[in-house]
Amino acid sequence: MDKFSDALKIQGRVIWALTMREIMTRFGRDNIGFLWLLAEPVMFVGGVTVLWSLELKSILGNFSIAEFSVVSYSTVLLWRNPSARMVKAIEVNSSLLYHRAVRPFDIYLSRIFLEYISGTAGFLIIYIAFTAVGITHLPYDPLRMVLGWLLIAWFSFAFAIATGALSELSDAMEKVWHVVLYFMMPVSGSFFPVNIAPDFIRNILLYFPLVDATEYFRSGYYGPSFPSYYNLPYTIAAILFMTLLALSLMAIASRRIEPE
């Protein structure tokens, strides 16, 4: 038990060090650069909110487009950005593997952790600001909203790990990933509520666990006033299967990676 605890502490320190290294590499050492960690998601969500408010006024009826975009588009950053940082992440950081304590999985975890911090903090900043000016309101069920956010983060973890592992196994993944991303964007459940889709399309969409997780998250905000569709047991089972598959791919990829 002591050995396991010591190993866990070492891994925690390694992941924290890699996260700090990633922050310095991406944003520089000055305070202005570090603020981009929070500014990027705030700018994305704020910009999309303005555009949707101008272009999509008729889709939600009496519900505010600005309110919908703050709640919905923030979820996109939680699953899109981590997977974007996984492509060839090991290849460009292979020199770090000369350190015995650093494993390929640690590099992935540090990047995912950083994107989670950025996406969550960005959402909270803009959500609190919009609530203060009356555009959004307090959630109907805060616990369900938190659980929905964690489900999306879990999906993001599995998707990101699988993306990273496949990119190490095949150079084609670096090109294919962009196609997968563009396909996922409109069917992620973030750009429109599932309740406006015809029944047969809705039934197909709900086989995608990200849609279920997003609907569950959104139901925590709106409550029964906004129809939501999700199957929580199916969502958990599907994401668990994705996680096991992603970790298996990671194990295969790790055996093929050699420090340079």
Protein backbone atom coordinates (compact mmCIF):
# COMPACT_ATOMS: atom_id res chain seq x y z
CA MET A 1 0.00 0.00 0.00
CA ASP A 2 2.86 2.38 0.82
CA LYS A 3 4.50 1.63 -2.54
CA PHE A 4 1.23 2.36 -4.35
CA SER A 5 0.83 5.63 -2.44
CA ASP A 6 4.41 6.64 -3.25
CA ALA A 7 3.93 5.79 -6.93
CA LEU A 8 0.72 7.84 -7.00
CA LYS A 9 2.49 10.84 -5.47
CA ILE A 10 5.31 10.57 -8.00
CA GLN A 11 2.87 10.39 -10.90
CA GLY A 12 0.99 13.38 -9.51
CA ARG A 13 4.21 15.41 -9.38
CA VAL A 14 5.15 14.32 -12.90
CA ILE A 15 1.76 15.30 -14.33
CA TRP A 16 1.86 18.66 -12.52
CA ALA A 17 5.37 19.36 -13.83
CA LEU A 18 4.34 18.43 -17.37
CA THR A 19 1.26 20.66 -17.06
CA MET A 20 3.39 23.62 -15.96
CA ARG A 21 5.79 22.92 -18.83
CA GLU A 22 2.88 22.89 -21.28
CA ILE A 23 1.60 26.22 -19.93
CA MET A 24 5.04 27.83 -20.33
CA THR A 25 5.46 26.39 -23.82
CA ARG A 26 2.06 27.54 -25.06
CA PHE A 27 1.61 30.84 -23.25
CA GLY A 28 5.08 32.00 -22.24
CA ARG A 29 6.32 33.01 -18.81
CA ASP A 30 4.69 36.43 -18.49
CA ASN A 31 1.31 36.99 -16.85
CA ILE A 32 -0.34 38.23 -20.04
CA GLY A 33 0.56 35.02 -21.79
CA PHE A 34 -0.80 32.88 -18.96
CA LEU A 35 -4.12 34.75 -19.06
CA TRP A 36 -4.72 33.33 -22.54
CA LEU A 37 -5.42 30.04 -20.77
CA LEU A 38 -8.69 31.63 -19.61
CA ALA A 39 -9.14 34.22 -22.34
CA GLU A 40 -9.30 31.72 -25.21
CA PRO A 41 -12.46 29.86 -24.09
CA VAL A 42 -14.11 33.11 -22.95
CA MET A 43 -13.51 34.68 -26.38
CA PHE A 44 -14.76 31.58 -28.21
CA VAL A 45 -17.96 31.30 -26.20
CA GLY A 46 -18.57 35.05 -26.22
CA GLY A 47 -18.08 35.28 -29.99
CA VAL A 48 -20.35 32.33 -30.71
CA THR A 49 -22.99 33.78 -28.37
CA VAL A 50 -23.09 37.01 -30.37
CA LEU A 51 -23.22 35.20 -33.73
CA TRP A 52 -25.94 32.80 -32.67
CA SER A 53 -27.99 35.62 -31.19
CA LEU A 54 -27.95 37.35 -34.57
CA GLU A 55 -28.47 34.32 -36.81
CA LEU A 56 -30.57 31.76 -34.92
CA LYS A 57 -33.36 33.79 -33.38
CA SER A 58 -36.22 31.57 -34.54
CA ILE A 59 -34.92 28.12 -33.56
CA LEU A 60 -35.62 28.14 -29.81
CA GLY A 61 -38.87 30.07 -29.74
CA ASN A 62 -39.15 31.94 -26.46
CA PHE A 63 -35.78 30.76 -25.13
CA SER A 64 -32.79 33.07 -25.39
CA ILE A 65 -30.19 32.14 -27.99
CA ALA A 66 -27.48 33.85 -25.94
CA GLU A 67 -28.46 31.78 -22.93
CA PHE A 68 -28.49 28.57 -24.97
CA SER A 69 -25.09 29.25 -26.53
CA VAL A 70 -23.40 29.96 -23.19
CA VAL A 71 -24.67 26.68 -21.76
CA SER A 72 -24.22 24.58 -24.90
CA TYR A 73 -21.16 25.82 -26.77
CA SER A 74 -19.00 25.66 -23.64
CA THR A 75 -19.33 21.88 -23.81
CA VAL A 76 -17.71 21.86 -27.26
CA LEU A 77 -14.47 23.25 -25.86
CA LEU A 78 -14.41 20.52 -23.21
CA TRP A 79 -14.22 17.67 -25.74
CA ARG A 80 -12.75 19.34 -28.82
CA ASN A 81 -9.65 21.02 -27.35
CA PRO A 82 -8.22 18.01 -25.44
CA SER A 83 -8.41 15.78 -28.51
CA ALA A 84 -6.79 18.51 -30.63
CA ARG A 85 -3.81 18.54 -28.27
CA MET A 86 -3.38 14.76 -28.44
CA VAL A 87 -2.45 14.42 -32.11
CA LYS A 88 1.27 13.51 -32.26
CA ALA A 89 1.70 14.68 -28.65
CA ILE A 90 4.13 11.87 -27.87
CA GLU A 91 6.14 12.31 -31.04
CA VAL A 92 6.84 16.00 -30.35
CA ASN A 93 7.65 15.27 -26.69
CA SER A 94 9.54 12.02 -27.13
CA SER A 95 12.69 13.43 -25.52
CA LEU A 96 10.82 13.58 -22.21
CA LEU A 97 10.56 9.80 -22.20
CA TYR A 98 14.25 9.56 -21.35
CA HIS A 99 13.19 10.46 -17.82
CA ARG A 100 12.29 7.18 -16.17
CA ALA A 101 9.35 8.68 -14.25
CA VAL A 102 7.71 10.06 -17.42
CA ARG A 103 5.43 7.77 -19.41
CA PRO A 104 3.46 8.49 -22.60
CA PHE A 105 0.23 8.37 -20.61
CA ASP A 106 1.51 11.15 -18.32
CA ILE A 107 2.01 13.45 -21.31
CA TYR A 108 -1.56 12.84 -22.40
CA LEU A 109 -2.94 13.35 -18.90
CA SER A 110 -1.12 16.66 -18.45
CA ARG A 111 -2.53 18.04 -21.70
CA ILE A 112 -6.04 16.85 -20.94
CA PHE A 113 -5.85 18.29 -17.42
CA LEU A 114 -4.77 21.68 -18.78
CA GLU A 115 -7.65 21.80 -21.26
CA TYR A 116 -10.12 20.81 -18.55
CA ILE A 117 -8.92 23.69 -16.37
CA SER A 118 -9.11 26.12 -19.29
CA GLY A 119 -12.54 25.02 -20.51
CA THR A 120 -14.13 24.81 -17.06
CA ALA A 121 -12.72 28.14 -15.87
CA GLY A 122 -13.73 29.83 -19.12
CA PHE A 123 -17.28 28.54 -18.82
CA LEU A 124 -17.57 29.63 -15.19
CA ILE A 125 -16.25 33.12 -15.96
CA ILE A 126 -18.66 33.81 -18.80
CA TYR A 127 -21.57 32.06 -17.05
CA ILE A 128 -21.13 34.13 -13.88
CA ALA A 129 -20.77 37.32 -15.94
CA PHE A 130 -23.89 36.60 -17.99
CA THR A 131 -25.85 35.67 -14.87
CA ALA A 132 -24.80 38.94 -13.24
CA VAL A 133 -26.29 40.93 -16.15
CA GLY A 134 -29.42 38.79 -16.36
CA ILE A 135 -28.79 36.87 -19.61
CA THR A 136 -28.50 33.52 -17.83
CA HIS A 137 -29.95 32.38 -14.52
CA LEU A 138 -29.06 30.01 -11.69
CA PRO A 139 -29.34 26.34 -12.72
CA TYR A 140 -32.50 24.37 -12.05
CA ASP A 141 -30.47 21.42 -10.69
CA PRO A 142 -26.79 22.31 -10.01
CA LEU A 143 -25.84 18.71 -9.13
CA ARG A 144 -27.19 17.37 -12.42
CA MET A 145 -25.35 20.13 -14.25
CA VAL A 146 -22.09 19.17 -12.54
CA LEU A 147 -22.64 15.48 -13.23
CA GLY A 148 -23.41 16.28 -16.87
CA TRP A 149 -20.19 18.28 -17.14
CA LEU A 150 -18.26 15.34 -15.66
CA LEU A 151 -19.88 12.95 -18.15
CA ILE A 152 -18.77 15.18 -21.03
CA ALA A 153 -15.27 15.36 -19.50
CA TRP A 154 -15.21 11.56 -19.23
CA PHE A 155 -16.23 11.23 -22.89
CA SER A 156 -13.55 13.79 -23.74
CA PHE A 157 -10.92 11.75 -21.87
CA ALA A 158 -11.72 8.56 -23.78
CA PHE A 159 -11.96 10.36 -27.12
CA ALA A 160 -8.72 12.28 -26.56
CA ILE A 161 -6.72 9.22 -25.47
CA ALA A 162 -7.98 7.23 -28.47
CA THR A 163 -7.14 10.13 -30.82
CA GLY A 164 -3.63 10.41 -29.41
CA ALA A 165 -2.95 6.68 -29.55
CA LEU A 166 -4.22 6.34 -33.12
CA SER A 167 -2.12 9.32 -34.21
CA GLU A 168 0.99 7.52 -32.92
CA LEU A 169 0.01 4.28 -34.64
CA SER A 170 -0.82 5.87 -38.00
CA ASP A 171 0.26 9.12 -39.63
CA ALA A 172 -3.07 9.18 -41.46
CA MET A 173 -4.85 10.04 -38.21
CA GLU A 174 -3.30 13.52 -38.28
CA LYS A 175 -5.30 14.22 -41.46
CA VAL A 176 -8.40 12.16 -40.71
CA TRP A 177 -8.87 13.76 -37.27
CA HIS A 178 -10.01 17.04 -38.83
CA VAL A 179 -12.69 15.22 -40.83
CA VAL A 180 -13.88 13.43 -37.69
CA LEU A 181 -13.99 16.75 -35.84
CA TYR A 182 -16.10 18.45 -38.50
CA PHE A 183 -18.50 15.51 -38.48
CA MET A 184 -18.79 15.54 -34.70
CA MET A 185 -19.46 19.27 -34.38
CA PRO A 186 -23.00 19.32 -35.82
CA VAL A 187 -24.01 16.01 -34.20
CA SER A 188 -22.57 16.69 -30.74
CA GLY A 189 -25.84 18.05 -29.34
CA SER A 190 -24.22 21.42 -28.67
CA PHE A 191 -25.44 23.38 -31.68
CA PHE A 192 -29.14 22.62 -31.42
CA PRO A 193 -31.47 20.99 -28.89
CA VAL A 194 -32.37 17.41 -29.73
CA ASN A 195 -36.07 18.11 -29.11
CA ILE A 196 -36.34 20.07 -32.39
CA ALA A 197 -35.13 17.09 -34.48
CA PRO A 198 -37.63 14.67 -36.08
CA ASP A 199 -38.17 11.51 -34.06
CA PHE A 200 -36.16 9.18 -36.31
CA ILE A 201 -33.18 11.55 -36.38
CA ARG A 202 -33.41 12.08 -32.61
CA ASN A 203 -33.33 8.33 -32.00
CA ILE A 204 -30.17 8.02 -34.11
CA LEU A 205 -28.46 10.97 -32.41
CA LEU A 206 -29.10 9.55 -28.95
CA TYR A 207 -26.92 6.53 -29.75
CA PHE A 208 -24.01 8.98 -29.61
CA PRO A 209 -23.08 9.25 -25.88
CA LEU A 210 -21.85 12.83 -26.23
CA VAL A 211 -25.34 13.93 -27.25
CA ASP A 212 -26.85 12.21 -24.20
CA ALA A 213 -24.26 13.78 -21.88
CA THR A 214 -24.83 17.25 -23.35
CA GLU A 215 -28.60 16.88 -23.04
CA TYR A 216 -28.22 15.76 -19.43
CA PHE A 217 -25.98 18.75 -18.67
CA ARG A 218 -28.44 21.12 -20.33
CA SER A 219 -31.38 19.61 -18.42
CA GLY A 220 -29.59 20.51 -15.19
CA TYR A 221 -29.66 24.14 -16.27
CA TYR A 222 -33.14 24.44 -17.81
CA GLY A 223 -35.09 21.82 -15.89
CA PRO A 224 -38.48 20.58 -17.17
CA SER A 225 -39.20 23.86 -19.01
CA PHE A 226 -36.86 22.74 -21.80
CA PRO A 227 -37.45 19.18 -23.12
CA SER A 228 -34.32 17.02 -22.86
CA TYR A 229 -33.65 13.49 -24.05
CA TYR A 230 -31.01 11.17 -22.60
CA ASN A 231 -30.47 7.61 -21.41
CA LEU A 232 -28.06 7.78 -18.49
CA PRO A 233 -27.32 4.02 -18.06
CA TYR A 234 -26.62 3.69 -21.78
CA THR A 235 -24.42 6.81 -21.75
CA ILE A 236 -22.31 5.52 -18.85
CA ALA A 237 -21.95 2.07 -20.42
CA ALA A 238 -21.00 3.52 -23.81
CA ILE A 239 -18.38 5.89 -22.39
CA LEU A 240 -16.97 3.09 -20.21
CA PHE A 241 -16.56 0.93 -23.33
CA MET A 242 -14.89 3.86 -25.12
CA THR A 243 -12.51 4.31 -22.18
CA LEU A 244 -11.46 0.66 -22.15
CA LEU A 245 -10.93 0.76 -25.91
CA ALA A 246 -8.90 3.99 -25.67
CA LEU A 247 -6.68 2.61 -22.91
CA SER A 248 -6.09 -0.56 -24.93
CA LEU A 249 -5.03 1.53 -27.93
CA MET A 250 -2.81 3.57 -25.61
CA ALA A 251 -1.12 0.41 -24.36
CA ILE A 252 -0.44 -0.75 -27.92
CA ALA A 253 0.89 2.66 -28.96
CA SER A 254 3.12 2.92 -25.87
CA ARG A 255 4.92 -0.31 -26.76
CA ARG A 256 5.80 1.11 -30.18
CA ILE A 257 7.06 4.48 -28.95
CA GLU A 258 10.80 4.92 -28.63
CA PRO A 259 12.53 8.00 -27.14
CA GLU A 260 14.45 10.09 -29.67
